[in-house]
C-alpha atoms as a PDB file:
ATOM      1  CA  MET A   1       7.836 -11.787  -2.088  1.00  0.00           C
ATOM      2  CA  SER A   2       7.820 -11.976   1.585  1.00  0.00           C
ATOM      3  CA  ASP A   3       5.236 -10.852   3.919  1.00  0.00           C
ATOM      4  CA  GLU A   4       7.367  -8.095   5.103  1.00  0.00           C
ATOM      5  CA  GLU A   5       7.869  -6.812   1.514  1.00  0.00           C
ATOM      6  CA  ARG A   6       4.161  -6.776   0.938  1.00  0.00           C
ATOM      7  CA  TRP A   7       3.627  -4.885   4.262  1.00  0.00           C
ATOM      8  CA  PHE A   8       5.924  -2.208   3.088  1.00  0.00           C
ATOM      9  CA  ALA A   9       4.127  -1.960  -0.174  1.00  0.00           C
ATOM     10  CA  HIS A  10       0.523  -2.073   0.971  1.00  0.00           C
ATOM     11  CA  GLU A  11       0.633  -0.765   4.445  1.00  0.00           C
ATOM     12  CA  TYR A  12       3.740   1.095   5.413  1.00  0.00           C
ATOM     13  CA  PHE A  13       4.249   3.359   2.274  1.00  0.00           C
ATOM     14  CA  PRO A  14       0.436   4.243   2.074  1.00  0.00           C
ATOM     15  CA  THR A  15       0.502   5.208   5.614  1.00  0.00           C
ATOM     16  CA  LEU A  16       3.685   7.178   5.216  1.00  0.00           C
ATOM     17  CA  ILE A  17       2.306   9.062   2.235  1.00  0.00           C
ATOM     18  CA  ASN A  18      -0.884  10.040   4.406  1.00  0.00           C
ATOM     19  CA  GLU A  19       1.257  11.319   7.099  1.00  0.00           C
ATOM     20  CA  ALA A  20       3.491  13.234   4.717  1.00  0.00           C
ATOM     21  CA  GLU A  21       0.591  15.909   4.340  1.00  0.00           C
ATOM     22  CA  SER A  22       1.569  16.973   7.808  1.00  0.00           C
ATOM     23  CA  SER A  23       5.303  16.364   7.980  1.00  0.00           C
ATOM     24  CA  ALA A  24       6.993  16.014   4.518  1.00  0.00           C
ATOM     25  CA  GLU A  25      10.423  16.138   6.164  1.00  0.00           C
ATOM     26  CA  ASP A  26       9.608  13.154   8.613  1.00  0.00           C
ATOM     27  CA  ALA A  27       8.381  11.183   5.445  1.00  0.00           C
ATOM     28  CA  LEU A  28      11.364  11.873   3.487  1.00  0.00           C
ATOM     29  CA  THR A  29      13.480  10.733   6.512  1.00  0.00           C
ATOM     30  CA  HIS A  30      11.464   7.476   6.834  1.00  0.00           C
ATOM     31  CA  ILE A  31      11.836   6.800   3.204  1.00  0.00           C
ATOM     32  CA  ALA A  32      15.667   7.270   3.340  1.00  0.00           C
ATOM     33  CA  GLU A  33      15.762   4.948   6.354  1.00  0.00           C
ATOM     34  CA  VAL A  34      13.879   2.287   4.420  1.00  0.00           C
ATOM     35  CA  ALA A  35      16.233   2.883   1.347  1.00  0.00           C
ATOM     36  CA  THR A  36      19.261   2.490   3.435  1.00  0.00           C
ATOM     37  CA  VAL A  37      18.244  -0.598   5.446  1.00  0.00           C
ATOM     38  CA  LEU A  38      17.036  -2.737   2.603  1.00  0.00           C
ATOM     39  CA  SER A  39      18.935  -3.934  -0.345  1.00  0.00           C
ATOM     40  CA  PRO A  40      18.485  -2.264  -3.622  1.00  0.00           C
ATOM     41  CA  THR A  41      16.995  -5.643  -4.966  1.00  0.00           C
ATOM     42  CA  VAL A  42      14.327  -5.803  -1.974  1.00  0.00           C
ATOM     43  CA  LEU A  43      13.534  -2.033  -2.306  1.00  0.00           C
ATOM     44  CA  ARG A  44      13.051  -2.526  -6.079  1.00  0.00           C
ATOM     45  CA  ARG A  45      10.722  -5.402  -5.498  1.00  0.00           C
ATOM     46  CA  ILE A  46       8.668  -3.458  -2.951  1.00  0.00           C
ATOM     47  CA  VAL A  47       8.306  -0.451  -5.264  1.00  0.00           C
ATOM     48  CA  ASN A  48       7.459  -2.740  -8.192  1.00  0.00           C
ATOM     49  CA  PHE A  49       4.701  -4.290  -6.147  1.00  0.00           C
ATOM     50  CA  SER A  50       3.337  -0.872  -4.957  1.00  0.00           C
ATOM     51  CA  THR A  51       0.381   0.687  -6.716  1.00  0.00           C
ATOM     52  CA  PRO A  52       1.061   3.315  -9.483  1.00  0.00           C
ATOM     53  CA  GLN A  53      -0.344   5.970  -7.059  1.00  0.00           C
ATOM     54  CA  VAL A  54       1.889   4.968  -4.286  1.00  0.00           C
ATOM     55  CA  LYS A  55       4.961   5.200  -6.601  1.00  0.00           C
ATOM     56  CA  ALA A  56       3.796   8.637  -7.836  1.00  0.00           C
ATOM     57  CA  ASP A  57       3.241   9.911  -4.235  1.00  0.00           C
ATOM     58  CA  LEU A  58       6.652   8.652  -3.026  1.00  0.00           C
ATOM     59  CA  LEU A  59       8.348  10.501  -5.903  1.00  0.00           C
ATOM     60  CA  MET A  60       6.483  13.662  -5.168  1.00  0.00           C
ATOM     61  CA  ILE A  61       7.595  13.414  -1.534  1.00  0.00           C
ATOM     62  CA  ILE A  62      11.172  13.220  -2.797  1.00  0.00           C
ATOM     63  CA  LEU A  63      10.804  15.832  -5.492  1.00  0.00           C
ATOM     64  CA  ARG A  64       9.193  18.456  -2.990  1.00  0.00           C
ATOM     65  CA  CYS A  65      12.308  18.469  -1.158  1.00  0.00           C
ATOM     66  CA  LEU A  66      14.583  19.375  -3.980  1.00  0.00           C
ATOM     67  CA  PRO A  67      15.199  22.966  -4.772  1.00  0.00           C
ATOM     68  CA  THR A  68      12.981  24.372  -7.499  1.00  0.00           C
ATOM     69  CA  GLU A  69      15.639  24.973  -9.950  1.00  0.00           C
ATOM     70  CA  VAL A  70      16.300  21.226 -10.176  1.00  0.00           C
ATOM     71  CA  TYR A  71      12.824  20.582 -11.658  1.00  0.00           C
ATOM     72  CA  SER A  72      11.665  24.136 -12.840  1.00  0.00           C
ATOM     73  CA  ASP A  73      12.453  23.313 -16.670  1.00  0.00           C
ATOM     74  CA  PHE A  74      10.419  20.040 -16.621  1.00  0.00           C
ATOM     75  CA  ALA A  75       6.909  21.072 -17.983  1.00  0.00           C
ATOM     76  CA  PRO A  76       4.935  17.899 -16.864  1.00  0.00           C
ATOM     77  CA  LEU A  77       6.217  18.232 -13.398  1.00  0.00           C
ATOM     78  CA  GLN A  78       5.254  22.032 -13.112  1.00  0.00           C
ATOM     79  CA  ALA A  79       1.471  21.004 -14.145  1.00  0.00           C
ATOM     80  CA  VAL A  80       1.711  18.374 -11.142  1.00  0.00           C
ATOM     81  CA  THR A  81       3.150  20.689  -8.630  1.00  0.00           C
ATOM     82  CA  ASN A  82       1.388  23.920  -9.717  1.00  0.00           C
ATOM     83  CA  PRO A  83      -2.302  23.080 -10.359  1.00  0.00           C
ATOM     84  CA  THR A  84      -2.820  26.730 -11.715  1.00  0.00           C
ATOM     85  CA  VAL A  85      -0.922  25.974 -14.847  1.00  0.00           C
ATOM     86  CA  THR A  86      -3.075  24.937 -17.631  1.00  0.00           C
END
């Protein structure tokens, strides 16, 4: 794994996740830019090298931008996105 790939996994994505709290749309744009610039193989290596929390947070950024109808029937996701569900 290259130094650049390690940087994405350990620096860029965690920083992007932290900034997503203030601007989820910007975070999604940056994720899309990374996904289009890097090859699928390199992106897969970066994501595989990321921590489970970073993987989950990136997924949540993407899912939050989808219409609710897309994931409304998926009970585990409801529990994650709606903390009042028990």
